[in-house]
Amino acid sequence: MKIDMHVHTINSRCSINPIKLLKKICNLKKITPITADHNVLTKLDFAIAGEEIGTNRGEFIGAFLNEQINEKDIFEAMDKVKEQGGIIYLPHPFDQRRRRALCRFDILHDKEFIKKIDIVEIFNSRCLNNHPNNEAEEYAEKYNILKGVGSDSHFPWEIGNSYMELDEFDKDNPKEFLKSLKNANKFHTKLGTPANILLYSKISKKIHKIAKF
């Protein structure tokens, strides 16, 4: 079972992944995505529902959610995810170029914060180089936290850049997912082209502004 833990849809201002096309590509590549739209919970019949939650101390992804998370205090937001039985995934935690990356806030080594983490994204395909990914992997190993990867797809051609091969599990059962992730032995990873990432991100925002999605 192929899982991409970080995929955006047209519901994110920085993405132009149309949902119908996203479904078609994911079905073709046999990838199950976890949706990670910014501050919006996107539920799709072919995906695991998630949200990339912006807080007062950076952003994280809540997955296996039933309700949108609106809290801005990071600990309150994390608690709301846990109350739903969801999991907490840290995307690109050491990517300094992202203004809401957790490394920009004094939080990553907080003991109470660490206790709430389920998974660390050790590879994000939209990092401009591997340095932030290497730091994330070292962090996961230091604190003995499960590892995950995500394409961070904002555009159709980015889907499938990074994914994990897991044993089959019930897509509505986060505990089964975590159990399967513990036994994961195949991570497929690929960095995007830096110039294209920056250029297309700017274009996407202009498209959203004009079209008023």
N, C-alpha and C. Protein backbone atom coordinates (compact mmCIF):
# COMPACT_ATOMS: atom_id res chain seq x y z
N MET A 1 0.85 -1.19 0.00
CA MET A 1 0.00 0.00 0.00
C MET A 1 0.90 1.24 0.00
N LYS A 2 0.70 2.12 -0.98
CA LYS A 2 1.54 3.31 -1.10
C LYS A 2 0.86 4.51 -0.41
N ILE A 3 1.60 5.13 0.50
CA ILE A 3 1.06 6.27 1.25
C ILE A 3 1.95 7.49 1.06
N ASP A 4 1.36 8.60 0.64
CA ASP A 4 2.03 9.89 0.58
C ASP A 4 1.42 10.73 1.68
N MET A 5 2.22 11.10 2.66
CA MET A 5 1.69 11.72 3.88
C MET A 5 1.46 13.22 3.78
N HIS A 6 1.67 13.81 2.60
CA HIS A 6 1.61 15.28 2.54
C HIS A 6 1.22 15.73 1.13
N VAL A 7 -0.07 15.89 0.90
CA VAL A 7 -0.57 16.29 -0.42
C VAL A 7 -1.58 17.42 -0.29
N HIS A 8 -1.40 18.46 -1.08
CA HIS A 8 -2.32 19.59 -1.09
C HIS A 8 -3.30 19.47 -2.26
N THR A 9 -4.43 20.11 -2.11
CA THR A 9 -5.42 20.18 -3.18
C THR A 9 -5.64 21.64 -3.55
N ILE A 10 -6.55 21.87 -4.46
CA ILE A 10 -6.91 23.23 -4.88
C ILE A 10 -7.42 24.07 -3.71
N ASN A 11 -7.76 23.41 -2.60
CA ASN A 11 -8.25 24.13 -1.42
C ASN A 11 -7.15 24.88 -0.69
N SER A 12 -5.88 24.62 -1.03
CA SER A 12 -4.77 25.40 -0.51
C SER A 12 -4.44 26.50 -1.51
N ARG A 13 -4.22 27.71 -1.01
CA ARG A 13 -3.97 28.85 -1.90
C ARG A 13 -2.69 28.67 -2.72
N CYS A 14 -1.77 27.83 -2.21
CA CYS A 14 -0.49 27.62 -2.87
C CYS A 14 -0.50 26.42 -3.81
N SER A 15 -1.67 25.80 -3.99
CA SER A 15 -1.74 24.58 -4.80
C SER A 15 -2.75 24.71 -5.93
N ILE A 16 -2.44 24.05 -7.04
CA ILE A 16 -3.42 23.94 -8.12
C ILE A 16 -3.61 22.46 -8.48
N ASN A 17 -3.82 21.65 -7.46
CA ASN A 17 -4.14 20.25 -7.65
C ASN A 17 -5.67 20.10 -7.72
N PRO A 18 -6.26 20.07 -8.90
CA PRO A 18 -7.71 19.88 -9.00
C PRO A 18 -8.06 18.50 -8.44
N ILE A 19 -9.15 18.42 -7.70
CA ILE A 19 -9.47 17.18 -7.00
C ILE A 19 -9.74 16.03 -7.96
N LYS A 20 -10.44 16.27 -9.05
CA LYS A 20 -10.72 15.19 -10.00
C LYS A 20 -9.44 14.65 -10.63
N LEU A 21 -8.53 15.55 -10.98
CA LEU A 21 -7.26 15.13 -11.56
C LEU A 21 -6.40 14.43 -10.51
N LEU A 22 -6.42 14.96 -9.30
CA LEU A 22 -5.67 14.35 -8.20
C LEU A 22 -6.11 12.91 -7.99
N LYS A 23 -7.42 12.69 -7.99
CA LYS A 23 -7.96 11.34 -7.82
C LYS A 23 -7.50 10.43 -8.95
N LYS A 24 -7.55 10.94 -10.17
CA LYS A 24 -7.17 10.14 -11.33
C LYS A 24 -5.70 9.72 -11.24
N ILE A 25 -4.83 10.66 -10.88
CA ILE A 25 -3.40 10.36 -10.79
C ILE A 25 -3.10 9.41 -9.64
N CYS A 26 -3.73 9.64 -8.50
CA CYS A 26 -3.50 8.77 -7.34
C CYS A 26 -3.98 7.34 -7.63
N ASN A 27 -5.10 7.22 -8.30
CA ASN A 27 -5.59 5.89 -8.67
C ASN A 27 -4.65 5.22 -9.66
N LEU A 28 -4.15 5.99 -10.61
CA LEU A 28 -3.24 5.45 -11.61
C LEU A 28 -1.93 4.97 -10.97
N LYS A 29 -1.43 5.76 -10.03
CA LYS A 29 -0.17 5.41 -9.38
C LYS A 29 -0.36 4.54 -8.13
N LYS A 30 -1.64 4.27 -7.82
CA LYS A 30 -2.00 3.44 -6.65
C LYS A 30 -1.44 4.03 -5.35
N ILE A 31 -1.57 5.35 -5.24
CA ILE A 31 -1.11 6.07 -4.06
C ILE A 31 -2.31 6.56 -3.25
N THR A 32 -2.27 6.33 -1.96
CA THR A 32 -3.27 6.89 -1.05
C THR A 32 -2.66 8.12 -0.40
N PRO A 33 -3.18 9.31 -0.68
CA PRO A 33 -2.62 10.52 -0.09
C PRO A 33 -3.26 10.87 1.25
N ILE A 34 -2.50 11.58 2.06
CA ILE A 34 -3.08 12.24 3.24
C ILE A 34 -3.20 13.70 2.87
N THR A 35 -4.41 14.24 2.88
CA THR A 35 -4.61 15.64 2.52
C THR A 35 -4.02 16.55 3.58
N ALA A 36 -3.44 17.65 3.13
CA ALA A 36 -2.76 18.55 4.06
C ALA A 36 -2.97 20.00 3.64
N ASP A 37 -4.21 20.36 3.36
CA ASP A 37 -4.49 21.74 2.98
C ASP A 37 -4.31 22.66 4.18
N HIS A 38 -3.87 23.89 3.89
CA HIS A 38 -3.57 24.83 4.96
C HIS A 38 -4.84 25.31 5.66
N ASN A 39 -4.95 24.93 6.94
CA ASN A 39 -6.05 25.37 7.80
C ASN A 39 -7.43 25.03 7.24
N VAL A 40 -7.48 23.97 6.43
CA VAL A 40 -8.74 23.48 5.88
C VAL A 40 -8.70 21.96 5.91
N LEU A 41 -9.74 21.35 6.43
CA LEU A 41 -9.84 19.89 6.41
C LEU A 41 -10.53 19.47 5.12
N THR A 42 -9.79 18.76 4.28
CA THR A 42 -10.34 18.28 3.01
C THR A 42 -10.58 16.78 3.10
N LYS A 43 -11.86 16.38 2.95
CA LYS A 43 -12.23 14.97 3.00
C LYS A 43 -12.52 14.47 1.60
N LEU A 44 -11.82 13.42 1.20
CA LEU A 44 -11.97 12.85 -0.14
C LEU A 44 -12.13 11.34 -0.02
N ASP A 45 -12.88 10.75 -0.93
CA ASP A 45 -13.14 9.31 -0.83
C ASP A 45 -11.93 8.44 -1.15
N PHE A 46 -10.89 9.02 -1.72
CA PHE A 46 -9.70 8.25 -2.06
C PHE A 46 -8.50 8.60 -1.19
N ALA A 47 -8.72 9.41 -0.15
CA ALA A 47 -7.62 9.90 0.67
C ALA A 47 -7.92 9.75 2.16
N ILE A 48 -6.87 9.95 2.95
CA ILE A 48 -7.00 10.04 4.41
C ILE A 48 -7.10 11.52 4.74
N ALA A 49 -8.10 11.89 5.51
CA ALA A 49 -8.36 13.31 5.78
C ALA A 49 -7.35 13.90 6.75
N GLY A 50 -6.77 15.02 6.33
CA GLY A 50 -5.82 15.72 7.19
C GLY A 50 -5.87 17.22 6.97
N GLU A 51 -5.07 17.92 7.74
CA GLU A 51 -5.03 19.39 7.68
C GLU A 51 -3.65 19.85 8.11
N GLU A 52 -3.06 20.77 7.36
CA GLU A 52 -1.81 21.39 7.80
C GLU A 52 -2.21 22.62 8.61
N ILE A 53 -1.97 22.51 9.90
CA ILE A 53 -2.53 23.47 10.86
C ILE A 53 -1.50 24.53 11.23
N GLY A 54 -1.81 25.78 10.92
CA GLY A 54 -0.94 26.89 11.29
C GLY A 54 -1.26 27.38 12.69
N THR A 55 -0.24 27.44 13.54
CA THR A 55 -0.45 27.86 14.93
C THR A 55 0.47 29.02 15.28
N ASN A 56 0.41 29.44 16.53
CA ASN A 56 1.24 30.55 17.00
C ASN A 56 2.72 30.18 17.10
N ARG A 57 3.02 28.86 16.96
CA ARG A 57 4.42 28.42 17.06
C ARG A 57 4.78 27.45 15.95
N GLY A 58 4.27 27.73 14.77
CA GLY A 58 4.59 26.89 13.62
C GLY A 58 3.43 26.03 13.18
N GLU A 59 3.69 25.19 12.17
CA GLU A 59 2.63 24.37 11.61
C GLU A 59 2.95 22.88 11.72
N PHE A 60 1.89 22.10 11.82
CA PHE A 60 2.02 20.64 11.82
C PHE A 60 0.81 20.06 11.11
N ILE A 61 0.87 18.79 10.78
CA ILE A 61 -0.24 18.12 10.11
C ILE A 61 -0.97 17.22 11.09
N GLY A 62 -2.29 17.38 11.14
CA GLY A 62 -3.13 16.43 11.86
C GLY A 62 -3.76 15.51 10.82
N ALA A 63 -3.67 14.21 11.03
CA ALA A 63 -4.20 13.24 10.07
C ALA A 63 -5.22 12.33 10.73
N PHE A 64 -6.07 11.71 9.91
CA PHE A 64 -7.18 10.89 10.38
C PHE A 64 -8.16 11.75 11.19
N LEU A 65 -8.48 12.90 10.63
CA LEU A 65 -9.37 13.85 11.31
C LEU A 65 -10.81 13.73 10.83
N ASN A 66 -11.72 14.07 11.72
CA ASN A 66 -13.14 14.14 11.39
C ASN A 66 -13.62 15.58 11.33
N GLU A 67 -12.97 16.44 12.12
CA GLU A 67 -13.36 17.85 12.19
C GLU A 67 -12.14 18.73 12.01
N GLN A 68 -12.37 19.89 11.42
CA GLN A 68 -11.30 20.86 11.20
C GLN A 68 -10.78 21.40 12.53
N ILE A 69 -9.48 21.65 12.59
CA ILE A 69 -8.85 22.22 13.78
C ILE A 69 -8.68 23.72 13.57
N ASN A 70 -9.22 24.51 14.47
CA ASN A 70 -9.16 25.97 14.33
C ASN A 70 -8.34 26.66 15.42
N GLU A 71 -7.93 25.90 16.43
CA GLU A 71 -7.16 26.49 17.53
C GLU A 71 -5.81 27.01 17.04
N LYS A 72 -5.37 28.14 17.56
CA LYS A 72 -4.10 28.74 17.15
C LYS A 72 -2.97 28.49 18.15
N ASP A 73 -3.30 28.16 19.38
CA ASP A 73 -2.27 27.75 20.33
C ASP A 73 -1.82 26.34 19.94
N ILE A 74 -0.52 26.14 19.78
CA ILE A 74 -0.05 24.87 19.24
C ILE A 74 -0.42 23.68 20.12
N PHE A 75 -0.35 23.84 21.44
CA PHE A 75 -0.67 22.72 22.31
C PHE A 75 -2.18 22.43 22.32
N GLU A 76 -2.97 23.47 22.25
CA GLU A 76 -4.42 23.27 22.18
C GLU A 76 -4.79 22.58 20.86
N ALA A 77 -4.15 22.98 19.77
CA ALA A 77 -4.42 22.37 18.46
C ALA A 77 -4.03 20.90 18.47
N MET A 78 -2.89 20.59 19.05
CA MET A 78 -2.44 19.20 19.11
C MET A 78 -3.39 18.36 19.96
N ASP A 79 -3.85 18.94 21.04
CA ASP A 79 -4.80 18.22 21.91
C ASP A 79 -6.11 17.94 21.17
N LYS A 80 -6.54 18.88 20.35
CA LYS A 80 -7.78 18.69 19.58
C LYS A 80 -7.62 17.55 18.57
N VAL A 81 -6.44 17.42 17.99
CA VAL A 81 -6.17 16.31 17.08
C VAL A 81 -6.28 14.99 17.84
N LYS A 82 -5.65 14.94 19.01
CA LYS A 82 -5.64 13.71 19.81
C LYS A 82 -7.05 13.36 20.30
N GLU A 83 -7.84 14.37 20.60
CA GLU A 83 -9.21 14.12 21.06
C GLU A 83 -10.04 13.41 19.99
N GLN A 84 -9.70 13.65 18.71
CA GLN A 84 -10.40 12.99 17.61
C GLN A 84 -9.82 11.62 17.29
N GLY A 85 -8.78 11.26 18.00
CA GLY A 85 -8.12 10.00 17.70
C GLY A 85 -7.14 10.12 16.55
N GLY A 86 -6.81 11.36 16.17
CA GLY A 86 -5.91 11.59 15.05
C GLY A 86 -4.45 11.47 15.43
N ILE A 87 -3.59 11.59 14.43
CA ILE A 87 -2.15 11.52 14.66
C ILE A 87 -1.51 12.85 14.30
N ILE A 88 -0.34 13.08 14.88
CA ILE A 88 0.39 14.33 14.68
C ILE A 88 1.67 14.06 13.91
N TYR A 89 1.79 14.75 12.80
CA TYR A 89 2.90 14.57 11.86
C TYR A 89 3.60 15.91 11.67
N LEU A 90 4.92 15.93 11.83
CA LEU A 90 5.67 17.17 11.68
C LEU A 90 6.21 17.29 10.26
N PRO A 91 5.67 18.19 9.45
CA PRO A 91 6.16 18.37 8.09
C PRO A 91 7.34 19.34 8.04
N HIS A 92 8.35 19.00 7.21
CA HIS A 92 9.51 19.89 6.98
C HIS A 92 9.91 20.70 8.21
N PRO A 93 10.14 20.04 9.36
CA PRO A 93 10.36 20.81 10.60
C PRO A 93 11.63 21.65 10.62
N PHE A 94 12.62 21.34 9.75
CA PHE A 94 13.88 22.08 9.79
C PHE A 94 14.14 22.90 8.52
N ASP A 95 13.10 23.15 7.75
CA ASP A 95 13.27 23.92 6.51
C ASP A 95 13.13 25.41 6.81
N GLN A 96 14.26 26.06 7.02
CA GLN A 96 14.30 27.46 7.45
C GLN A 96 13.63 28.42 6.48
N ARG A 97 13.53 28.07 5.20
CA ARG A 97 12.97 29.02 4.23
C ARG A 97 11.46 29.18 4.38
N ARG A 98 10.81 28.25 5.09
CA ARG A 98 9.37 28.32 5.28
C ARG A 98 9.08 29.08 6.57
N ARG A 99 8.30 30.12 6.45
CA ARG A 99 8.12 31.03 7.59
C ARG A 99 7.39 30.40 8.76
N ARG A 100 6.65 29.31 8.53
CA ARG A 100 5.95 28.66 9.64
C ARG A 100 6.59 27.33 10.03
N ALA A 101 7.81 27.08 9.55
CA ALA A 101 8.51 25.84 9.93
C ALA A 101 8.78 25.86 11.43
N LEU A 102 8.68 24.71 12.04
CA LEU A 102 8.81 24.61 13.50
C LEU A 102 10.19 25.02 14.00
N CYS A 103 11.21 24.91 13.14
CA CYS A 103 12.56 25.29 13.56
C CYS A 103 12.69 26.78 13.83
N ARG A 104 11.73 27.57 13.36
CA ARG A 104 11.76 29.01 13.58
C ARG A 104 11.22 29.41 14.95
N PHE A 105 10.72 28.42 15.67
CA PHE A 105 10.12 28.67 16.97
C PHE A 105 10.81 27.80 18.03
N ASP A 106 10.82 28.25 19.24
CA ASP A 106 11.49 27.52 20.32
C ASP A 106 10.55 26.43 20.84
N ILE A 107 10.42 25.34 20.05
CA ILE A 107 9.42 24.33 20.38
C ILE A 107 9.89 22.90 20.16
N LEU A 108 10.77 22.68 19.18
CA LEU A 108 11.09 21.31 18.76
C LEU A 108 11.68 20.43 19.86
N HIS A 109 12.36 21.03 20.81
CA HIS A 109 12.99 20.24 21.86
C HIS A 109 12.26 20.36 23.20
N ASP A 110 11.07 20.93 23.16
CA ASP A 110 10.22 21.02 24.35
C ASP A 110 9.71 19.61 24.70
N LYS A 111 9.91 19.19 25.93
CA LYS A 111 9.56 17.82 26.34
C LYS A 111 8.07 17.52 26.16
N GLU A 112 7.22 18.47 26.50
CA GLU A 112 5.77 18.25 26.37
C GLU A 112 5.36 18.16 24.90
N PHE A 113 6.03 18.94 24.07
CA PHE A 113 5.76 18.91 22.64
C PHE A 113 6.15 17.56 22.05
N ILE A 114 7.31 17.09 22.39
CA ILE A 114 7.82 15.82 21.86
C ILE A 114 6.90 14.66 22.20
N LYS A 115 6.31 14.69 23.39
CA LYS A 115 5.42 13.61 23.82
C LYS A 115 4.20 13.46 22.90
N LYS A 116 3.81 14.55 22.25
CA LYS A 116 2.59 14.54 21.44
C LYS A 116 2.83 14.12 19.99
N ILE A 117 4.09 14.06 19.57
CA ILE A 117 4.42 13.76 18.17
C ILE A 117 4.27 12.27 17.89
N ASP A 118 3.66 11.95 16.76
CA ASP A 118 3.58 10.56 16.32
C ASP A 118 4.60 10.24 15.23
N ILE A 119 4.78 11.18 14.30
CA ILE A 119 5.64 10.93 13.13
C ILE A 119 6.37 12.22 12.74
N VAL A 120 7.59 12.06 12.28
CA VAL A 120 8.37 13.19 11.75
C VAL A 120 8.59 12.96 10.25
N GLU A 121 8.36 14.00 9.47
CA GLU A 121 8.62 13.92 8.03
C GLU A 121 10.12 14.03 7.81
N ILE A 122 10.74 12.91 7.46
CA ILE A 122 12.20 12.90 7.28
C ILE A 122 12.59 13.19 5.84
N PHE A 123 11.59 13.24 4.95
CA PHE A 123 11.88 13.65 3.57
C PHE A 123 10.67 14.37 3.01
N ASN A 124 10.92 15.60 2.56
CA ASN A 124 9.90 16.42 1.92
C ASN A 124 10.44 16.78 0.54
N SER A 125 9.70 16.42 -0.50
CA SER A 125 10.18 16.60 -1.87
C SER A 125 10.31 18.05 -2.30
N ARG A 126 9.72 18.97 -1.54
CA ARG A 126 9.77 20.39 -1.93
C ARG A 126 10.81 21.18 -1.14
N CYS A 127 11.63 20.49 -0.36
CA CYS A 127 12.80 21.17 0.21
C CYS A 127 13.76 21.44 -0.95
N LEU A 128 14.47 22.55 -0.90
CA LEU A 128 15.34 22.91 -2.01
C LEU A 128 16.63 22.09 -2.05
N ASN A 129 16.97 21.47 -0.93
CA ASN A 129 18.10 20.54 -0.87
C ASN A 129 17.84 19.57 0.27
N ASN A 130 18.74 18.63 0.48
CA ASN A 130 18.50 17.57 1.45
C ASN A 130 18.87 17.92 2.89
N HIS A 131 19.47 19.09 3.10
CA HIS A 131 19.91 19.43 4.46
C HIS A 131 18.76 19.42 5.48
N PRO A 132 17.62 20.06 5.20
CA PRO A 132 16.52 20.02 6.17
C PRO A 132 15.99 18.61 6.40
N ASN A 133 15.99 17.79 5.35
CA ASN A 133 15.53 16.41 5.49
C ASN A 133 16.48 15.60 6.37
N ASN A 134 17.78 15.81 6.19
CA ASN A 134 18.76 15.11 7.02
C ASN A 134 18.62 15.50 8.49
N GLU A 135 18.39 16.78 8.74
CA GLU A 135 18.19 17.23 10.12
C GLU A 135 16.94 16.61 10.74
N ALA A 136 15.89 16.50 9.93
CA ALA A 136 14.64 15.90 10.41
C ALA A 136 14.85 14.43 10.76
N GLU A 137 15.61 13.73 9.95
CA GLU A 137 15.86 12.31 10.24
C GLU A 137 16.68 12.15 11.52
N GLU A 138 17.66 13.01 11.71
CA GLU A 138 18.46 12.97 12.94
C GLU A 138 17.59 13.25 14.16
N TYR A 139 16.66 14.18 14.00
CA TYR A 139 15.74 14.53 15.09
C TYR A 139 14.86 13.32 15.44
N ALA A 140 14.32 12.67 14.43
CA ALA A 140 13.45 11.50 14.65
C ALA A 140 14.22 10.39 15.36
N GLU A 141 15.45 10.19 14.95
CA GLU A 141 16.27 9.15 15.58
C GLU A 141 16.64 9.51 17.01
N LYS A 142 16.95 10.78 17.24
CA LYS A 142 17.32 11.23 18.58
C LYS A 142 16.20 10.98 19.59
N TYR A 143 14.96 11.24 19.16
CA TYR A 143 13.83 11.12 20.09
C TYR A 143 13.01 9.84 19.85
N ASN A 144 13.54 8.96 19.01
CA ASN A 144 12.89 7.67 18.76
C ASN A 144 11.44 7.84 18.31
N ILE A 145 11.25 8.66 17.28
CA ILE A 145 9.91 8.94 16.75
C ILE A 145 9.80 8.28 15.37
N LEU A 146 8.61 7.80 15.04
CA LEU A 146 8.39 7.19 13.74
C LEU A 146 8.68 8.17 12.59
N LYS A 147 9.11 7.60 11.47
CA LYS A 147 9.49 8.41 10.31
C LYS A 147 8.47 8.27 9.18
N GLY A 148 8.24 9.38 8.48
CA GLY A 148 7.35 9.38 7.32
C GLY A 148 7.91 10.25 6.23
N VAL A 149 7.33 10.15 5.03
CA VAL A 149 7.77 11.00 3.92
C VAL A 149 6.56 11.54 3.18
N GLY A 150 6.75 12.67 2.50
CA GLY A 150 5.65 13.27 1.76
C GLY A 150 6.15 14.04 0.55
N SER A 151 5.38 14.00 -0.52
CA SER A 151 5.74 14.76 -1.72
C SER A 151 5.51 16.25 -1.51
N ASP A 152 4.61 16.59 -0.57
CA ASP A 152 4.18 17.98 -0.38
C ASP A 152 3.65 18.51 -1.71
N SER A 153 2.99 17.63 -2.44
CA SER A 153 2.53 17.97 -3.79
C SER A 153 1.58 19.16 -3.79
N HIS A 154 1.92 20.16 -4.61
CA HIS A 154 1.06 21.30 -4.86
C HIS A 154 0.53 21.28 -6.30
N PHE A 155 1.17 20.45 -7.13
CA PHE A 155 0.86 20.39 -8.56
C PHE A 155 0.76 18.93 -8.99
N PRO A 156 -0.02 18.63 -10.01
CA PRO A 156 -0.23 17.25 -10.43
C PRO A 156 1.04 16.46 -10.70
N TRP A 157 2.05 17.11 -11.30
CA TRP A 157 3.27 16.39 -11.67
C TRP A 157 4.15 16.05 -10.46
N GLU A 158 3.81 16.59 -9.28
CA GLU A 158 4.61 16.29 -8.09
C GLU A 158 4.09 15.06 -7.33
N ILE A 159 2.90 14.62 -7.65
CA ILE A 159 2.32 13.46 -6.96
C ILE A 159 3.15 12.22 -7.25
N GLY A 160 3.55 11.55 -6.20
CA GLY A 160 4.37 10.36 -6.35
C GLY A 160 5.85 10.61 -6.19
N ASN A 161 6.26 11.87 -5.98
CA ASN A 161 7.68 12.14 -5.76
C ASN A 161 8.20 11.44 -4.51
N SER A 162 7.37 11.36 -3.48
CA SER A 162 7.76 10.65 -2.26
C SER A 162 6.56 9.89 -1.71
N TYR A 163 6.79 8.65 -1.35
CA TYR A 163 5.74 7.85 -0.74
C TYR A 163 6.36 6.66 -0.02
N MET A 164 5.56 6.00 0.81
CA MET A 164 6.01 4.84 1.57
C MET A 164 5.21 3.62 1.14
N GLU A 165 5.84 2.48 1.18
CA GLU A 165 5.13 1.23 0.93
C GLU A 165 4.88 0.55 2.27
N LEU A 166 3.60 0.40 2.63
CA LEU A 166 3.21 -0.18 3.91
C LEU A 166 2.35 -1.41 3.69
N ASP A 167 2.29 -2.24 4.73
CA ASP A 167 1.33 -3.33 4.72
C ASP A 167 -0.07 -2.75 4.72
N GLU A 168 -1.03 -3.49 4.17
CA GLU A 168 -2.41 -3.03 4.14
C GLU A 168 -2.94 -2.73 5.54
N PHE A 169 -3.75 -1.67 5.66
CA PHE A 169 -4.37 -1.32 6.94
C PHE A 169 -5.71 -0.67 6.66
N ASP A 170 -6.54 -0.60 7.69
CA ASP A 170 -7.84 0.06 7.58
C ASP A 170 -7.61 1.56 7.53
N LYS A 171 -8.00 2.21 6.43
CA LYS A 171 -7.75 3.65 6.25
C LYS A 171 -8.50 4.52 7.25
N ASP A 172 -9.42 3.94 7.98
CA ASP A 172 -10.14 4.69 9.01
C ASP A 172 -9.59 4.43 10.40
N ASN A 173 -8.48 3.69 10.47
CA ASN A 173 -7.94 3.28 11.77
C ASN A 173 -6.49 3.76 11.91
N PRO A 174 -6.29 4.89 12.61
CA PRO A 174 -4.93 5.43 12.76
C PRO A 174 -3.99 4.51 13.53
N LYS A 175 -4.52 3.71 14.44
CA LYS A 175 -3.66 2.79 15.20
C LYS A 175 -3.09 1.72 14.27
N GLU A 176 -3.91 1.24 13.36
CA GLU A 176 -3.42 0.26 12.38
C GLU A 176 -2.37 0.89 11.48
N PHE A 177 -2.59 2.15 11.11
CA PHE A 177 -1.62 2.85 10.28
C PHE A 177 -0.27 2.95 10.98
N LEU A 178 -0.28 3.35 12.25
CA LEU A 178 0.97 3.49 13.00
C LEU A 178 1.68 2.14 13.14
N LYS A 179 0.90 1.10 13.35
CA LYS A 179 1.48 -0.24 13.46
C LYS A 179 2.13 -0.65 12.15
N SER A 180 1.47 -0.37 11.03
CA SER A 180 2.02 -0.68 9.72
C SER A 180 3.26 0.15 9.43
N LEU A 181 3.24 1.42 9.87
CA LEU A 181 4.39 2.30 9.63
C LEU A 181 5.63 1.81 10.36
N LYS A 182 5.46 1.23 11.52
CA LYS A 182 6.59 0.70 12.28
C LYS A 182 7.35 -0.36 11.50
N ASN A 183 6.64 -1.06 10.63
CA ASN A 183 7.25 -2.13 9.86
C ASN A 183 7.61 -1.72 8.43
N ALA A 184 7.47 -0.44 8.14
CA ALA A 184 7.75 0.04 6.78
C ALA A 184 9.23 -0.16 6.45
N ASN A 185 9.49 -0.67 5.26
CA ASN A 185 10.88 -0.87 4.86
C ASN A 185 11.21 -0.27 3.49
N LYS A 186 10.22 0.38 2.87
CA LYS A 186 10.47 0.98 1.57
C LYS A 186 9.96 2.42 1.54
N PHE A 187 10.90 3.36 1.48
CA PHE A 187 10.58 4.77 1.33
C PHE A 187 11.11 5.21 -0.04
N HIS A 188 10.24 5.76 -0.86
CA HIS A 188 10.64 6.25 -2.17
C HIS A 188 10.69 7.78 -2.11
N THR A 189 11.84 8.36 -2.41
CA THR A 189 12.00 9.81 -2.25
C THR A 189 12.69 10.44 -3.45
N LYS A 190 12.23 11.65 -3.76
CA LYS A 190 12.80 12.40 -4.88
C LYS A 190 12.58 13.88 -4.65
N LEU A 191 13.66 14.66 -4.76
CA LEU A 191 13.55 16.11 -4.63
C LEU A 191 13.04 16.72 -5.93
N GLY A 192 12.22 17.76 -5.79
CA GLY A 192 11.79 18.51 -6.96
C GLY A 192 12.93 19.41 -7.45
N THR A 193 12.71 20.09 -8.57
CA THR A 193 13.71 21.02 -9.10
C THR A 193 13.52 22.37 -8.41
N PRO A 194 14.55 22.88 -7.69
CA PRO A 194 14.41 24.11 -6.91
C PRO A 194 13.82 25.29 -7.67
N ALA A 195 14.31 25.54 -8.87
CA ALA A 195 13.82 26.70 -9.63
C ALA A 195 12.34 26.54 -9.95
N ASN A 196 11.93 25.33 -10.29
CA ASN A 196 10.53 25.09 -10.62
C ASN A 196 9.63 25.23 -9.40
N ILE A 197 10.11 24.76 -8.25
CA ILE A 197 9.32 24.86 -7.02
C ILE A 197 8.99 26.31 -6.71
N LEU A 198 9.99 27.18 -6.77
CA LEU A 198 9.78 28.59 -6.45
C LEU A 198 8.92 29.29 -7.49
N LEU A 199 9.19 28.99 -8.77
CA LEU A 199 8.45 29.64 -9.84
C LEU A 199 6.98 29.25 -9.82
N TYR A 200 6.69 27.96 -9.74
CA TYR A 200 5.32 27.49 -9.81
C TYR A 200 4.52 27.88 -8.56
N SER A 201 5.20 28.03 -7.43
CA SER A 201 4.51 28.47 -6.22
C SER A 201 3.99 29.89 -6.40
N LYS A 202 4.79 30.75 -7.02
CA LYS A 202 4.36 32.12 -7.28
C LYS A 202 3.20 32.15 -8.27
N ILE A 203 3.31 31.33 -9.30
CA ILE A 203 2.24 31.27 -10.31
C ILE A 203 0.94 30.79 -9.69
N SER A 204 1.03 29.78 -8.83
CA SER A 204 -0.17 29.24 -8.18
C SER A 204 -0.91 30.29 -7.39
N LYS A 205 -0.17 31.08 -6.62
CA LYS A 205 -0.81 32.11 -5.81
C LYS A 205 -1.49 33.18 -6.68
N LYS A 206 -0.87 33.49 -7.81
CA LYS A 206 -1.46 34.47 -8.74
C LYS A 206 -2.74 33.92 -9.35
N ILE A 207 -2.71 32.63 -9.70
CA ILE A 207 -3.90 31.98 -10.27
C ILE A 207 -5.06 32.02 -9.27
N HIS A 208 -4.76 31.69 -8.02
CA HIS A 208 -5.80 31.71 -7.00
C HIS A 208 -6.36 33.11 -6.81
N LYS A 209 -5.47 34.11 -6.86
CA LYS A 209 -5.91 35.49 -6.66
C LYS A 209 -6.83 35.93 -7.78
N ILE A 210 -6.47 35.56 -9.00
CA ILE A 210 -7.27 35.96 -10.16
C ILE A 210 -8.60 35.20 -10.21
N ALA A 211 -8.50 33.87 -10.00
CA ALA A 211 -9.68 33.03 -10.12
C ALA A 211 -10.57 33.06 -8.88
N LYS A 212 -9.97 33.50 -7.76
CA LYS A 212 -10.69 33.58 -6.47
C LYS A 212 -11.29 32.24 -6.09
N PHE A 213 -10.43 31.18 -6.10
CA PHE A 213 -10.87 29.86 -5.69
C PHE A 213 -11.29 29.88 -4.23
